[in-house]
Amino acid sequence: MSIVYTYSNARQKLASLLEQALRDGEVKVRRRDGRVFVIKPEVKVDSPFTVNSIDLDVTTQEIVQFVREGRRAYDEKA
């Protein structure tokens, strides 16, 4: 349920109005002439390629060593 604020009330309580929009999804503000505006939080869209990292405590040199060992094992099978 969205609460409708008057323009004057919205100006005076902007911080709490924004918090309520975040909590409830939207807040409506009615101007004196009757027009109503909706304030909503912006939806953050992450890239589908965004991946959370995992700290494995592995050095770059160790990674290079693993790759070389894997290549060596593959070459021996071929």
N, C-alpha and C. Protein backbone atom coordinates (compact mmCIF):
# COMPACT_ATOMS: atom_id res chain seq x y z
N MET A 1 0.84 -1.17 0.00
CA MET A 1 0.00 0.00 0.00
C MET A 1 0.89 1.24 0.00
N SER A 2 0.67 2.11 -0.94
CA SER A 2 1.49 3.31 -0.98
C SER A 2 0.73 4.48 -0.38
N ILE A 3 1.43 5.26 0.41
CA ILE A 3 0.85 6.44 1.04
C ILE A 3 1.02 7.61 0.09
N VAL A 4 0.02 8.47 0.02
CA VAL A 4 0.10 9.64 -0.84
C VAL A 4 0.45 10.84 0.03
N TYR A 5 1.59 11.47 -0.28
CA TYR A 5 2.04 12.66 0.43
C TYR A 5 1.64 13.89 -0.36
N THR A 6 1.41 14.98 0.34
CA THR A 6 1.27 16.25 -0.36
C THR A 6 2.66 16.72 -0.74
N TYR A 7 2.74 17.61 -1.71
CA TYR A 7 4.03 18.12 -2.16
C TYR A 7 4.78 18.78 -1.00
N SER A 8 4.09 19.59 -0.22
CA SER A 8 4.74 20.29 0.90
C SER A 8 5.25 19.30 1.94
N ASN A 9 4.44 18.31 2.26
CA ASN A 9 4.83 17.31 3.24
C ASN A 9 6.01 16.49 2.72
N ALA A 10 6.02 16.17 1.43
CA ALA A 10 7.12 15.41 0.84
C ALA A 10 8.43 16.19 0.93
N ARG A 11 8.36 17.49 0.69
CA ARG A 11 9.56 18.33 0.78
C ARG A 11 10.11 18.34 2.20
N GLN A 12 9.23 18.41 3.18
CA GLN A 12 9.67 18.48 4.58
C GLN A 12 10.22 17.15 5.08
N LYS A 13 9.71 16.04 4.55
CA LYS A 13 10.08 14.72 5.04
C LYS A 13 10.74 13.87 3.96
N LEU A 14 11.58 14.49 3.15
CA LEU A 14 12.16 13.79 2.00
C LEU A 14 12.94 12.54 2.40
N ALA A 15 13.76 12.63 3.43
CA ALA A 15 14.58 11.47 3.83
C ALA A 15 13.70 10.29 4.22
N SER A 16 12.67 10.53 5.04
CA SER A 16 11.80 9.43 5.45
C SER A 16 10.94 8.95 4.28
N LEU A 17 10.58 9.86 3.38
CA LEU A 17 9.83 9.47 2.19
C LEU A 17 10.65 8.51 1.32
N LEU A 18 11.93 8.80 1.15
CA LEU A 18 12.80 7.92 0.35
C LEU A 18 12.98 6.57 1.03
N GLU A 19 13.11 6.56 2.35
CA GLU A 19 13.22 5.30 3.09
C GLU A 19 11.96 4.46 2.93
N GLN A 20 10.81 5.13 2.98
CA GLN A 20 9.55 4.41 2.82
C GLN A 20 9.43 3.85 1.40
N ALA A 21 9.88 4.61 0.40
CA ALA A 21 9.86 4.12 -0.98
C ALA A 21 10.74 2.89 -1.11
N LEU A 22 11.87 2.89 -0.44
CA LEU A 22 12.76 1.73 -0.46
C LEU A 22 12.10 0.53 0.21
N ARG A 23 11.42 0.77 1.31
CA ARG A 23 10.78 -0.30 2.07
C ARG A 23 9.52 -0.82 1.37
N ASP A 24 8.67 0.08 0.85
CA ASP A 24 7.38 -0.31 0.30
C ASP A 24 7.37 -0.45 -1.22
N GLY A 25 8.42 0.01 -1.89
CA GLY A 25 8.48 -0.12 -3.33
C GLY A 25 8.12 1.15 -4.08
N GLU A 26 7.29 2.00 -3.49
CA GLU A 26 6.97 3.27 -4.11
C GLU A 26 6.25 4.17 -3.13
N VAL A 27 6.29 5.47 -3.41
CA VAL A 27 5.58 6.48 -2.65
C VAL A 27 4.97 7.45 -3.65
N LYS A 28 3.77 7.92 -3.39
CA LYS A 28 3.10 8.86 -4.29
C LYS A 28 3.10 10.25 -3.67
N VAL A 29 3.29 11.25 -4.54
CA VAL A 29 3.26 12.65 -4.12
C VAL A 29 2.22 13.36 -4.98
N ARG A 30 1.27 14.02 -4.32
CA ARG A 30 0.20 14.73 -5.03
C ARG A 30 0.47 16.23 -4.95
N ARG A 31 0.45 16.86 -6.12
CA ARG A 31 0.61 18.31 -6.17
C ARG A 31 -0.73 18.98 -5.92
N ARG A 32 -0.68 20.25 -5.69
CA ARG A 32 -1.89 21.01 -5.40
C ARG A 32 -2.89 20.97 -6.56
N ASP A 33 -2.37 20.87 -7.80
CA ASP A 33 -3.26 20.83 -8.97
C ASP A 33 -3.84 19.44 -9.21
N GLY A 34 -3.51 18.46 -8.34
CA GLY A 34 -4.10 17.13 -8.44
C GLY A 34 -3.23 16.09 -9.14
N ARG A 35 -2.17 16.53 -9.81
CA ARG A 35 -1.29 15.55 -10.47
C ARG A 35 -0.56 14.73 -9.42
N VAL A 36 -0.41 13.45 -9.70
CA VAL A 36 0.25 12.53 -8.77
C VAL A 36 1.51 11.98 -9.42
N PHE A 37 2.60 11.95 -8.67
CA PHE A 37 3.87 11.43 -9.13
C PHE A 37 4.26 10.26 -8.24
N VAL A 38 4.92 9.28 -8.81
CA VAL A 38 5.36 8.10 -8.07
C VAL A 38 6.87 8.15 -7.93
N ILE A 39 7.35 7.96 -6.72
CA ILE A 39 8.79 7.88 -6.45
C ILE A 39 9.10 6.44 -6.11
N LYS A 40 10.02 5.84 -6.89
CA LYS A 40 10.42 4.45 -6.67
C LYS A 40 11.93 4.36 -6.61
N PRO A 41 12.44 3.39 -5.86
CA PRO A 41 13.89 3.19 -5.88
C PRO A 41 14.30 2.62 -7.24
N GLU A 42 15.46 3.01 -7.70
CA GLU A 42 15.98 2.50 -8.97
C GLU A 42 16.39 1.05 -8.79
N VAL A 43 16.04 0.24 -9.77
CA VAL A 43 16.40 -1.17 -9.73
C VAL A 43 17.81 -1.32 -10.27
N LYS A 44 18.67 -1.90 -9.47
CA LYS A 44 20.06 -2.11 -9.88
C LYS A 44 20.12 -3.40 -10.68
N VAL A 45 20.64 -3.29 -11.89
CA VAL A 45 20.75 -4.46 -12.76
C VAL A 45 22.23 -4.79 -12.91
N ASP A 46 22.59 -5.96 -12.43
CA ASP A 46 23.97 -6.42 -12.56
C ASP A 46 24.15 -7.11 -13.90
N SER A 47 25.36 -7.11 -14.37
CA SER A 47 25.70 -7.83 -15.58
C SER A 47 25.56 -9.32 -15.33
N PRO A 48 25.09 -10.08 -16.32
CA PRO A 48 25.04 -11.53 -16.12
C PRO A 48 26.42 -12.14 -15.96
N PHE A 49 27.46 -11.37 -16.28
CA PHE A 49 28.83 -11.87 -16.15
C PHE A 49 29.44 -11.52 -14.80
N THR A 50 28.69 -10.84 -13.94
CA THR A 50 29.19 -10.51 -12.61
C THR A 50 29.22 -11.78 -11.77
N VAL A 51 30.40 -12.10 -11.26
CA VAL A 51 30.58 -13.31 -10.48
C VAL A 51 31.26 -12.93 -9.18
N ASN A 52 30.75 -13.42 -8.08
CA ASN A 52 31.39 -13.16 -6.80
C ASN A 52 32.71 -13.94 -6.74
N SER A 53 33.72 -13.31 -6.19
CA SER A 53 35.03 -13.96 -6.12
C SER A 53 35.14 -14.79 -4.85
N ILE A 54 36.07 -15.73 -4.90
CA ILE A 54 36.36 -16.59 -3.76
C ILE A 54 37.86 -16.48 -3.49
N ASP A 55 38.22 -16.19 -2.25
CA ASP A 55 39.63 -16.09 -1.90
C ASP A 55 40.15 -17.48 -1.58
N LEU A 56 40.96 -18.03 -2.51
CA LEU A 56 41.51 -19.37 -2.33
C LEU A 56 42.93 -19.34 -1.78
N ASP A 57 43.46 -18.15 -1.57
CA ASP A 57 44.81 -17.99 -1.06
C ASP A 57 45.82 -18.73 -1.94
N VAL A 58 45.68 -18.51 -3.26
CA VAL A 58 46.58 -19.12 -4.26
C VAL A 58 47.30 -17.99 -4.97
N THR A 59 48.60 -18.13 -5.13
CA THR A 59 49.38 -17.09 -5.80
C THR A 59 49.31 -17.27 -7.31
N THR A 60 49.69 -16.23 -8.02
CA THR A 60 49.73 -16.29 -9.48
C THR A 60 50.69 -17.37 -9.94
N GLN A 61 51.81 -17.47 -9.27
CA GLN A 61 52.81 -18.48 -9.63
C GLN A 61 52.24 -19.88 -9.47
N GLU A 62 51.47 -20.13 -8.43
CA GLU A 62 50.85 -21.44 -8.24
C GLU A 62 49.83 -21.74 -9.34
N ILE A 63 49.07 -20.74 -9.76
CA ILE A 63 48.11 -20.94 -10.84
C ILE A 63 48.82 -21.31 -12.13
N VAL A 64 49.91 -20.60 -12.43
CA VAL A 64 50.70 -20.91 -13.63
C VAL A 64 51.23 -22.34 -13.55
N GLN A 65 51.68 -22.75 -12.39
CA GLN A 65 52.19 -24.10 -12.20
C GLN A 65 51.08 -25.13 -12.45
N PHE A 66 49.87 -24.90 -11.94
CA PHE A 66 48.74 -25.82 -12.15
C PHE A 66 48.40 -25.96 -13.63
N VAL A 67 48.41 -24.82 -14.32
CA VAL A 67 48.10 -24.84 -15.76
C VAL A 67 49.16 -25.64 -16.52
N ARG A 68 50.42 -25.41 -16.20
CA ARG A 68 51.50 -26.14 -16.88
C ARG A 68 51.42 -27.64 -16.61
N GLU A 69 51.11 -28.02 -15.37
CA GLU A 69 50.96 -29.44 -15.04
C GLU A 69 49.79 -30.05 -15.81
N GLY A 70 48.70 -29.31 -15.94
CA GLY A 70 47.55 -29.80 -16.69
C GLY A 70 47.87 -29.98 -18.16
N ARG A 71 48.61 -29.05 -18.73
CA ARG A 71 49.00 -29.16 -20.14
C ARG A 71 49.95 -30.33 -20.34
N ARG A 72 50.88 -30.50 -19.40
CA ARG A 72 51.83 -31.60 -19.49
C ARG A 72 51.09 -32.94 -19.45
N ALA A 73 50.10 -33.07 -18.56
CA ALA A 73 49.33 -34.31 -18.45
C ALA A 73 48.54 -34.54 -19.73
N TYR A 74 48.00 -33.49 -20.34
CA TYR A 74 47.23 -33.61 -21.57
C TYR A 74 48.14 -34.03 -22.72
N ASP A 75 49.35 -33.45 -22.80
CA ASP A 75 50.29 -33.79 -23.87
C ASP A 75 50.75 -35.24 -23.75
N GLU A 76 50.91 -35.75 -22.54
CA GLU A 76 51.35 -37.13 -22.35
C GLU A 76 50.29 -38.12 -22.80
N LYS A 77 49.01 -37.78 -22.68
CA LYS A 77 47.93 -38.66 -23.10
C LYS A 77 47.78 -38.70 -24.62
N ALA A 78 48.13 -37.60 -25.27
CA ALA A 78 47.93 -37.51 -26.73
C ALA A 78 48.95 -38.24 -27.52
